Amino acid sequence: MYVLLSIHASGCTLQDFEELDKAWGVGGEAGSAGATGESGATSSAGASAGGAPNAGGAPNAGGAPNEPETPPEGNLMANPSFETGHSGWVPFGMSAISDVSTGAHSGNKCILASGRSDTYMGPSFQAAALLTRGASYTVVAWLRMVKTPDNVQLTLKSDCNATTTFTPIAAVPVDTEWTRLEGIVHVPDCDYIDLTLYFEGPVANADFWLDDVTITPLE
């Protein structure tokens, strides 16, 4: 806002200076308020466009939303939060898994299990080269249903001495918020040729997310 003051050539009076101070004071406040308002609108629009971190899920406990979670000491999983993709993970059954970057439990990415035409289908990890014969491990994973709450189970498929066995490890009811699953895997004491950990259980065609999978030796 511009204020035009007329100052007589005969000289400035104290009243002239008071009027000048008032004029600049009003203009300064208006300019400051306008800048603040514009900045606030830009910030708000940016937040809406980008989407809230962990949309639909609980923030990471003990930290800011989407803050990468520190894996437990001794974790054998090289990429527990899928920040660099899902190497080592394959669909179990005729389903699909994909990397997604929306609503992760921690960090910026997780994986999505989809295209599940049967209950046993889901993400699986080939663990034969990672685990030791006869040893025990604690497995922790975070899961979240996309639409409707359902049960999810972690299962170990082992092929020992030409015999295939499916061993339930742990099962939990999983909501549309991130849910923690934890179980203990006892590796068969045999000459196995296959050890596959996989997540199953929800009804056919129900999609779910998976994040922060850790495997640590049980002491």
Protein backbone atom coordinates (compact mmCIF):
# COMPACT_ATOMS: atom_id res chain seq x y z
CA MET A 1 0.00 0.00 0.00
CA TYR A 2 1.43 3.37 -0.94
CA VAL A 3 0.65 6.49 1.18
CA LEU A 4 1.22 9.88 -0.32
CA LEU A 5 2.04 12.63 2.16
CA SER A 6 2.18 16.27 1.20
CA ILE A 7 4.93 18.15 3.06
CA HIS A 8 4.94 21.92 2.74
CA ALA A 9 8.08 23.68 1.61
CA SER A 10 7.88 25.90 4.64
CA GLY A 11 9.33 23.10 6.77
CA CYS A 12 8.38 19.88 8.60
CA THR A 13 6.54 19.98 11.88
CA LEU A 14 6.37 17.30 14.60
CA GLN A 15 2.86 16.47 13.40
CA ASP A 16 4.26 15.77 9.92
CA PHE A 17 6.69 13.19 11.31
CA GLU A 18 3.97 11.57 13.44
CA GLU A 19 1.78 11.22 10.35
CA LEU A 20 4.71 9.72 8.42
CA ASP A 21 5.41 7.16 11.18
CA LYS A 22 1.77 6.15 11.30
CA ALA A 23 1.64 5.70 7.54
CA TRP A 24 4.71 3.46 7.39
CA GLY A 25 3.59 1.52 10.46
CA VAL A 26 0.25 0.62 8.84
CA GLY A 27 1.94 -0.33 5.57
CA GLY A 28 4.51 -2.54 7.32
CA GLU A 29 1.88 -4.49 9.24
CA ALA A 30 -0.20 -5.06 6.14
CA GLY A 31 2.78 -6.30 4.17
CA SER A 32 3.85 -8.65 6.97
CA ALA A 33 0.37 -10.12 7.31
CA GLY A 34 0.10 -10.66 3.56
CA ALA A 35 3.44 -12.49 3.42
CA THR A 36 2.51 -14.74 6.31
CA GLY A 37 -0.84 -15.60 4.79
CA GLU A 38 0.65 -16.46 1.41
CA SER A 39 3.34 -18.63 3.00
CA GLY A 40 0.75 -20.50 5.03
CA ALA A 41 -1.41 -21.22 1.98
CA THR A 42 1.56 -22.56 0.04
CA SER A 43 2.59 -24.84 2.91
CA SER A 44 -0.93 -26.21 3.30
CA ALA A 45 -1.31 -26.90 -0.41
CA GLY A 46 2.03 -28.67 -0.51
CA ALA A 47 1.06 -30.97 2.33
CA SER A 48 -2.20 -31.94 0.63
CA ALA A 49 -0.56 -32.60 -2.72
CA GLY A 50 2.17 -34.78 -1.25
CA GLY A 51 -0.10 -36.81 0.99
CA ALA A 52 0.38 -37.41 4.70
CA PRO A 53 3.20 -39.82 5.63
CA ASN A 54 1.92 -43.25 6.69
CA ALA A 55 -1.53 -42.42 5.30
CA GLY A 56 -4.04 -44.76 6.94
CA GLY A 57 -1.46 -46.28 9.23
CA ALA A 58 -0.02 -45.52 12.62
CA PRO A 59 3.22 -43.50 12.75
CA ASN A 60 6.36 -45.36 13.63
CA ALA A 61 6.48 -45.71 17.42
CA GLY A 62 9.09 -43.54 19.08
CA GLY A 63 9.82 -41.39 16.00
CA ALA A 64 8.39 -39.16 13.34
CA PRO A 65 6.05 -40.70 10.74
CA ASN A 66 8.00 -42.62 8.09
CA GLU A 67 11.23 -42.41 10.06
CA PRO A 68 13.24 -45.53 9.12
CA GLU A 69 13.04 -48.15 11.84
CA THR A 70 16.34 -49.49 13.18
CA PRO A 71 16.48 -53.28 12.68
CA PRO A 72 17.39 -55.34 15.77
CA GLU A 73 21.02 -56.25 16.27
CA GLY A 74 21.83 -59.52 14.52
CA ASN A 75 19.11 -59.15 11.89
CA LEU A 76 19.89 -61.40 8.92
CA MET A 77 17.64 -59.61 6.43
CA ALA A 78 19.72 -57.36 4.19
CA ASN A 79 16.85 -55.06 3.21
CA PRO A 80 14.16 -55.39 5.90
CA SER A 81 12.13 -52.33 4.93
CA PHE A 82 12.31 -52.84 1.13
CA GLU A 83 13.95 -49.46 0.53
CA THR A 84 16.00 -50.95 -2.33
CA GLY A 85 13.32 -53.28 -3.72
CA HIS A 86 12.24 -56.83 -2.86
CA SER A 87 15.20 -58.93 -3.98
CA GLY A 88 14.85 -62.47 -2.57
CA TRP A 89 11.06 -62.21 -2.31
CA VAL A 90 8.77 -63.96 -4.80
CA PRO A 91 5.00 -64.53 -4.98
CA PHE A 92 3.85 -67.79 -3.41
CA GLY A 93 1.29 -69.31 -5.76
CA MET A 94 -0.14 -67.48 -8.75
CA SER A 95 -0.13 -64.05 -7.13
CA ALA A 96 1.93 -60.88 -7.40
CA ILE A 97 4.09 -58.66 -5.23
CA SER A 98 5.15 -55.12 -6.08
CA ASP A 99 7.16 -52.28 -4.56
CA VAL A 100 5.04 -49.35 -3.41
CA SER A 101 6.01 -45.99 -1.96
CA THR A 102 2.78 -44.99 -0.21
CA GLY A 103 1.99 -45.49 3.46
CA ALA A 104 5.07 -47.51 4.45
CA HIS A 105 5.43 -48.58 8.08
CA SER A 106 8.91 -47.04 8.14
CA GLY A 107 11.14 -45.49 5.52
CA ASN A 108 9.56 -44.76 2.15
CA LYS A 109 8.69 -48.17 0.71
CA CYS A 110 6.95 -51.45 1.42
CA ILE A 111 5.62 -54.30 -0.73
CA LEU A 112 2.07 -55.06 -1.79
CA ALA A 113 0.66 -58.58 -2.09
CA SER A 114 -2.06 -58.65 -4.75
CA GLY A 115 -3.67 -60.90 -7.36
CA ARG A 116 -4.30 -63.55 -4.69
CA SER A 117 -6.83 -65.99 -6.10
CA ASP A 118 -6.55 -68.30 -3.06
CA THR A 119 -5.94 -67.94 0.68
CA TYR A 120 -2.47 -69.54 0.71
CA MET A 121 -0.99 -67.01 -1.72
CA GLY A 122 1.25 -64.13 -0.64
CA PRO A 123 4.84 -62.85 -0.43
CA SER A 124 7.50 -65.51 0.21
CA PHE A 125 11.21 -65.48 1.00
CA GLN A 126 13.68 -68.18 0.00
CA ALA A 127 15.50 -68.73 3.31
CA ALA A 128 17.44 -71.96 2.71
CA ALA A 129 20.75 -70.12 2.26
CA LEU A 130 20.06 -67.76 5.17
CA LEU A 131 19.09 -70.14 7.99
CA THR A 132 21.12 -72.85 9.70
CA ARG A 133 20.08 -76.45 10.15
CA GLY A 134 18.66 -77.12 13.63
CA ALA A 135 18.79 -73.46 14.71
CA SER A 136 15.92 -71.24 15.87
CA TYR A 137 15.10 -67.68 14.85
CA THR A 138 12.70 -64.89 15.81
CA VAL A 139 10.81 -63.46 12.85
CA VAL A 140 9.05 -60.10 13.08
CA ALA A 141 7.00 -58.46 10.33
CA TRP A 142 4.55 -55.60 10.01
CA LEU A 143 1.38 -56.12 7.99
CA ARG A 144 -1.59 -54.04 6.99
CA MET A 145 -4.74 -54.96 5.06
CA VAL A 146 -5.70 -52.66 2.20
CA LYS A 147 -9.48 -52.76 2.66
CA THR A 148 -10.93 -55.21 5.18
CA PRO A 149 -9.35 -56.65 8.38
CA ASP A 150 -8.41 -60.32 8.10
CA ASN A 151 -6.06 -62.93 9.57
CA VAL A 152 -2.52 -63.30 8.25
CA GLN A 153 -0.27 -66.27 9.00
CA LEU A 154 3.47 -66.79 8.60
CA THR A 155 4.22 -70.32 7.43
CA LEU A 156 7.42 -72.28 6.87
CA LYS A 157 7.50 -74.65 3.93
CA SER A 158 10.35 -77.16 4.27
CA ASP A 159 11.44 -79.98 1.98
CA CYS A 160 13.34 -82.55 4.02
CA ASN A 161 14.29 -86.00 2.82
CA ALA A 162 11.79 -85.78 -0.07
CA THR A 163 8.99 -84.84 2.36
CA THR A 164 7.33 -81.42 2.14
CA THR A 165 6.01 -79.96 5.40
CA PHE A 166 4.02 -76.78 6.05
CA THR A 167 4.57 -75.47 9.58
CA PRO A 168 2.54 -72.54 10.96
CA ILE A 169 4.83 -70.02 12.69
CA ALA A 170 2.48 -67.27 13.86
CA ALA A 171 -0.91 -65.78 12.99
CA VAL A 172 -2.49 -62.44 13.91
CA PRO A 173 -5.66 -60.52 13.05
CA VAL A 174 -4.48 -57.69 10.80
CA ASP A 175 -6.35 -54.41 10.62
CA THR A 176 -6.14 -51.58 8.09
CA GLU A 177 -3.56 -50.11 10.49
CA TRP A 178 -0.04 -51.55 10.69
CA THR A 179 -0.04 -54.72 12.81
CA ARG A 180 2.96 -56.54 14.27
CA LEU A 181 3.43 -60.27 13.74
CA GLU A 182 6.09 -62.19 15.66
CA GLY A 183 6.93 -65.89 15.75
CA ILE A 184 9.75 -68.37 16.24
CA VAL A 185 11.05 -70.50 13.39
CA HIS A 186 12.66 -73.84 14.29
CA VAL A 187 14.71 -74.96 11.31
CA PRO A 188 14.44 -78.72 10.69
CA ASP A 189 17.51 -80.72 11.62
CA CYS A 190 17.75 -82.47 8.27
CA ASP A 191 19.29 -82.17 4.83
CA TYR A 192 16.67 -79.79 3.52
CA ILE A 193 16.57 -78.61 -0.06
CA ASP A 194 13.94 -75.93 0.46
CA LEU A 195 13.06 -73.52 3.26
CA THR A 196 10.45 -70.94 2.28
CA LEU A 197 8.85 -68.42 4.62
CA TYR A 198 5.58 -67.05 3.29
CA PHE A 199 2.58 -65.01 4.41
CA GLU A 200 -0.92 -66.38 3.79
CA GLY A 201 -4.42 -66.43 5.22
CA PRO A 202 -6.62 -63.55 4.03
CA VAL A 203 -9.55 -64.39 1.80
CA ALA A 204 -8.95 -64.65 -1.93
CA ASN A 205 -8.41 -61.32 -3.72
CA ALA A 206 -7.68 -59.47 -0.46
CA ASP A 207 -4.57 -57.31 -0.86
CA PHE A 208 -2.17 -56.49 1.97
CA TRP A 209 1.06 -54.61 2.59
CA LEU A 210 4.22 -56.00 4.19
CA ASP A 211 7.13 -54.05 5.71
CA ASP A 212 10.04 -54.25 8.18
CA VAL A 213 10.69 -57.99 8.16
CA THR A 214 13.50 -59.10 10.49
CA ILE A 215 15.03 -62.50 11.21
CA THR A 216 17.32 -62.76 14.24
CA PRO A 217 18.95 -65.84 15.81
CA LEU A 218 17.23 -66.96 18.99
CA GLU A 219 19.68 -67.05 21.89
